[in-house]
Amino acid sequence: MLGVRVSQEFHAMSRHFSGRRLRETRKSRGLPVEHVALAVERTAYTINEYEADRAVPPAQVLGRLADVLGCTIDHFFAGVIDDES
């Protein structure tokens, strides 16, 4: 049952992922989409989908994005509610 609970909690968090924060962080580091895509083993198209909030990265990709961009996973979620108002 724990796996189901963790999965449900991650699903709830995923609804609050901020592609805008991902894009802003990537740009502030001066990294092109293609560089980030290669580093996290995804396509540039997929990274653009994340940044446009049309897709949510899986947990393992979130970890890789955080490593590449030098931030924490929480960074992609923090302030999302404030950003929407």
N, C-alpha and C. Protein backbone atom coordinates (compact mmCIF):
# COMPACT_ATOMS: atom_id res chain seq x y z
N MET A 1 0.82 -1.19 0.00
CA MET A 1 0.00 0.00 0.00
C MET A 1 0.86 1.26 0.00
N LEU A 2 2.04 1.20 0.58
CA LEU A 2 2.88 2.38 0.64
C LEU A 2 3.19 2.92 -0.75
N GLY A 3 3.46 2.03 -1.70
CA GLY A 3 3.76 2.44 -3.07
C GLY A 3 2.60 3.22 -3.67
N VAL A 4 1.38 2.79 -3.38
CA VAL A 4 0.20 3.48 -3.90
C VAL A 4 0.10 4.86 -3.27
N ARG A 5 0.35 4.95 -1.96
CA ARG A 5 0.27 6.24 -1.29
C ARG A 5 1.31 7.21 -1.82
N VAL A 6 2.55 6.75 -1.99
CA VAL A 6 3.61 7.59 -2.52
C VAL A 6 3.25 8.04 -3.93
N SER A 7 2.73 7.12 -4.73
CA SER A 7 2.33 7.45 -6.09
C SER A 7 1.23 8.50 -6.09
N GLN A 8 0.26 8.38 -5.22
CA GLN A 8 -0.82 9.35 -5.13
C GLN A 8 -0.29 10.71 -4.69
N GLU A 9 0.64 10.71 -3.74
CA GLU A 9 1.21 11.97 -3.27
C GLU A 9 2.01 12.64 -4.38
N PHE A 10 2.78 11.86 -5.14
CA PHE A 10 3.53 12.44 -6.24
C PHE A 10 2.58 12.98 -7.29
N HIS A 11 1.50 12.26 -7.57
CA HIS A 11 0.53 12.72 -8.56
C HIS A 11 -0.07 14.05 -8.11
N ALA A 12 -0.37 14.19 -6.83
CA ALA A 12 -0.92 15.46 -6.33
C ALA A 12 0.11 16.57 -6.50
N MET A 13 1.39 16.26 -6.21
CA MET A 13 2.45 17.28 -6.38
C MET A 13 2.60 17.65 -7.84
N SER A 14 2.46 16.68 -8.74
CA SER A 14 2.72 16.93 -10.15
C SER A 14 1.76 17.96 -10.72
N ARG A 15 0.60 18.10 -10.11
CA ARG A 15 -0.34 19.10 -10.59
C ARG A 15 0.14 20.51 -10.30
N HIS A 16 1.16 20.65 -9.48
CA HIS A 16 1.66 21.96 -9.10
C HIS A 16 3.06 22.22 -9.64
N PHE A 17 3.54 21.36 -10.52
CA PHE A 17 4.83 21.58 -11.15
C PHE A 17 4.77 22.86 -11.97
N SER A 18 5.84 23.67 -11.90
CA SER A 18 5.88 24.91 -12.65
C SER A 18 6.91 24.84 -13.77
N GLY A 19 6.40 24.68 -14.98
CA GLY A 19 7.27 24.72 -16.14
C GLY A 19 7.95 26.07 -16.28
N ARG A 20 7.25 27.11 -15.87
CA ARG A 20 7.83 28.45 -15.93
C ARG A 20 9.08 28.55 -15.07
N ARG A 21 9.03 27.96 -13.90
CA ARG A 21 10.23 27.97 -13.04
C ARG A 21 11.37 27.20 -13.67
N LEU A 22 11.05 26.08 -14.31
CA LEU A 22 12.07 25.31 -15.02
C LEU A 22 12.70 26.17 -16.10
N ARG A 23 11.89 26.81 -16.92
CA ARG A 23 12.39 27.65 -18.01
C ARG A 23 13.23 28.81 -17.48
N GLU A 24 12.72 29.51 -16.47
CA GLU A 24 13.45 30.65 -15.90
C GLU A 24 14.79 30.21 -15.32
N THR A 25 14.82 29.08 -14.65
CA THR A 25 16.07 28.58 -14.06
C THR A 25 17.06 28.20 -15.15
N ARG A 26 16.58 27.50 -16.16
CA ARG A 26 17.47 27.12 -17.27
C ARG A 26 18.05 28.36 -17.94
N LYS A 27 17.21 29.33 -18.22
CA LYS A 27 17.68 30.55 -18.88
C LYS A 27 18.64 31.34 -17.99
N SER A 28 18.37 31.38 -16.70
CA SER A 28 19.25 32.13 -15.79
C SER A 28 20.64 31.49 -15.71
N ARG A 29 20.72 30.19 -15.99
CA ARG A 29 22.01 29.49 -16.00
C ARG A 29 22.68 29.59 -17.38
N GLY A 30 21.97 30.19 -18.34
CA GLY A 30 22.52 30.33 -19.69
C GLY A 30 22.61 29.03 -20.46
N LEU A 31 21.73 28.09 -20.14
CA LEU A 31 21.78 26.77 -20.78
C LEU A 31 20.72 26.65 -21.87
N PRO A 32 21.12 26.24 -23.06
CA PRO A 32 20.13 26.00 -24.10
C PRO A 32 19.31 24.74 -23.81
N VAL A 33 18.11 24.70 -24.34
CA VAL A 33 17.24 23.54 -24.15
C VAL A 33 17.95 22.26 -24.56
N GLU A 34 18.67 22.30 -25.65
CA GLU A 34 19.35 21.11 -26.16
C GLU A 34 20.37 20.56 -25.16
N HIS A 35 21.06 21.44 -24.46
CA HIS A 35 22.05 21.02 -23.47
C HIS A 35 21.35 20.29 -22.32
N VAL A 36 20.28 20.88 -21.83
CA VAL A 36 19.54 20.28 -20.71
C VAL A 36 18.95 18.94 -21.16
N ALA A 37 18.38 18.91 -22.35
CA ALA A 37 17.78 17.68 -22.87
C ALA A 37 18.80 16.54 -22.92
N LEU A 38 19.96 16.84 -23.44
CA LEU A 38 21.01 15.82 -23.54
C LEU A 38 21.43 15.35 -22.14
N ALA A 39 21.56 16.27 -21.22
CA ALA A 39 22.00 15.93 -19.86
C ALA A 39 21.00 15.06 -19.11
N VAL A 40 19.72 15.23 -19.39
CA VAL A 40 18.70 14.44 -18.68
C VAL A 40 18.12 13.32 -19.54
N GLU A 41 18.76 13.09 -20.68
CA GLU A 41 18.38 12.00 -21.58
C GLU A 41 16.93 12.09 -22.04
N ARG A 42 16.55 13.29 -22.46
CA ARG A 42 15.24 13.56 -23.05
C ARG A 42 15.47 14.38 -24.31
N THR A 43 14.44 14.58 -25.09
CA THR A 43 14.57 15.41 -26.29
C THR A 43 14.32 16.87 -25.95
N ALA A 44 14.79 17.76 -26.81
CA ALA A 44 14.52 19.19 -26.63
C ALA A 44 13.01 19.43 -26.67
N TYR A 45 12.32 18.69 -27.53
CA TYR A 45 10.86 18.80 -27.61
C TYR A 45 10.23 18.51 -26.24
N THR A 46 10.69 17.46 -25.58
CA THR A 46 10.14 17.09 -24.27
C THR A 46 10.41 18.17 -23.23
N ILE A 47 11.62 18.72 -23.22
CA ILE A 47 11.93 19.80 -22.28
C ILE A 47 11.02 21.00 -22.54
N ASN A 48 10.80 21.31 -23.81
CA ASN A 48 9.88 22.40 -24.15
C ASN A 48 8.47 22.12 -23.66
N GLU A 49 8.05 20.86 -23.75
CA GLU A 49 6.74 20.48 -23.23
C GLU A 49 6.65 20.70 -21.72
N TYR A 50 7.72 20.34 -20.99
CA TYR A 50 7.76 20.57 -19.54
C TYR A 50 7.67 22.07 -19.27
N GLU A 51 8.46 22.86 -20.00
CA GLU A 51 8.51 24.30 -19.76
C GLU A 51 7.19 24.99 -20.08
N ALA A 52 6.43 24.43 -20.99
CA ALA A 52 5.14 25.01 -21.38
C ALA A 52 3.98 24.44 -20.55
N ASP A 53 4.31 23.63 -19.55
CA ASP A 53 3.30 22.99 -18.69
C ASP A 53 2.33 22.10 -19.47
N ARG A 54 2.81 21.51 -20.54
CA ARG A 54 2.00 20.55 -21.29
C ARG A 54 2.36 19.11 -20.91
N ALA A 55 3.40 18.95 -20.11
CA ALA A 55 3.81 17.63 -19.60
C ALA A 55 4.53 17.85 -18.27
N VAL A 56 4.50 16.82 -17.44
CA VAL A 56 5.17 16.87 -16.13
C VAL A 56 6.28 15.83 -16.13
N PRO A 57 7.50 16.24 -15.77
CA PRO A 57 8.60 15.27 -15.75
C PRO A 57 8.38 14.20 -14.68
N PRO A 58 8.74 12.96 -15.00
CA PRO A 58 8.71 11.91 -13.98
C PRO A 58 9.71 12.22 -12.87
N ALA A 59 9.54 11.57 -11.74
CA ALA A 59 10.39 11.84 -10.56
C ALA A 59 11.88 11.75 -10.88
N GLN A 60 12.30 10.70 -11.60
CA GLN A 60 13.74 10.55 -11.86
C GLN A 60 14.25 11.68 -12.75
N VAL A 61 13.43 12.17 -13.67
CA VAL A 61 13.84 13.28 -14.53
C VAL A 61 13.90 14.58 -13.73
N LEU A 62 12.98 14.74 -12.79
CA LEU A 62 13.04 15.92 -11.91
C LEU A 62 14.37 15.96 -11.18
N GLY A 63 14.82 14.82 -10.68
CA GLY A 63 16.11 14.76 -10.00
C GLY A 63 17.26 15.15 -10.90
N ARG A 64 17.22 14.65 -12.13
CA ARG A 64 18.28 14.99 -13.09
C ARG A 64 18.24 16.47 -13.44
N LEU A 65 17.04 17.01 -13.65
CA LEU A 65 16.92 18.44 -13.95
C LEU A 65 17.49 19.29 -12.81
N ALA A 66 17.17 18.91 -11.58
CA ALA A 66 17.68 19.64 -10.43
C ALA A 66 19.21 19.59 -10.39
N ASP A 67 19.78 18.43 -10.66
CA ASP A 67 21.24 18.29 -10.68
C ASP A 67 21.86 19.17 -11.76
N VAL A 68 21.32 19.11 -12.95
CA VAL A 68 21.87 19.87 -14.08
C VAL A 68 21.76 21.37 -13.85
N LEU A 69 20.65 21.79 -13.24
CA LEU A 69 20.42 23.22 -13.05
C LEU A 69 20.92 23.73 -11.70
N GLY A 70 21.45 22.84 -10.88
CA GLY A 70 22.02 23.26 -9.59
C GLY A 70 20.99 23.78 -8.61
N CYS A 71 19.86 23.09 -8.53
CA CYS A 71 18.82 23.50 -7.58
C CYS A 71 18.23 22.23 -6.95
N THR A 72 17.22 22.40 -6.14
CA THR A 72 16.53 21.26 -5.54
C THR A 72 15.27 20.96 -6.34
N ILE A 73 14.75 19.78 -6.18
CA ILE A 73 13.48 19.43 -6.83
C ILE A 73 12.38 20.36 -6.36
N ASP A 74 12.39 20.72 -5.09
CA ASP A 74 11.37 21.62 -4.54
C ASP A 74 11.31 22.94 -5.29
N HIS A 75 12.43 23.36 -5.84
CA HIS A 75 12.49 24.63 -6.56
C HIS A 75 11.45 24.68 -7.69
N PHE A 76 11.16 23.54 -8.31
CA PHE A 76 10.21 23.50 -9.40
C PHE A 76 8.77 23.55 -8.93
N PHE A 77 8.56 23.46 -7.63
CA PHE A 77 7.22 23.48 -7.06
C PHE A 77 6.98 24.71 -6.20
N ALA A 78 8.01 25.22 -5.55
CA ALA A 78 7.86 26.33 -4.61
C ALA A 78 7.31 27.55 -5.30
N GLY A 79 6.35 28.21 -4.65
CA GLY A 79 5.83 29.47 -5.16
C GLY A 79 4.86 29.37 -6.30
N VAL A 80 4.47 28.15 -6.67
CA VAL A 80 3.57 28.01 -7.82
C VAL A 80 2.23 28.66 -7.54
N ILE A 81 1.70 28.50 -6.34
CA ILE A 81 0.41 29.11 -6.00
C ILE A 81 0.53 30.62 -6.06
N ASP A 82 1.63 31.17 -5.51
CA ASP A 82 1.83 32.63 -5.56
C ASP A 82 1.96 33.12 -6.98
N ASP A 83 2.61 32.33 -7.85
CA ASP A 83 2.82 32.72 -9.25
C ASP A 83 1.51 32.81 -10.01
N GLU A 84 0.51 32.02 -9.62
CA GLU A 84 -0.74 31.97 -10.36
C GLU A 84 -1.68 33.10 -9.98
N SER A 85 -1.48 33.73 -8.84
CA SER A 85 -2.40 34.77 -8.42
C SER A 85 -1.99 36.14 -8.89
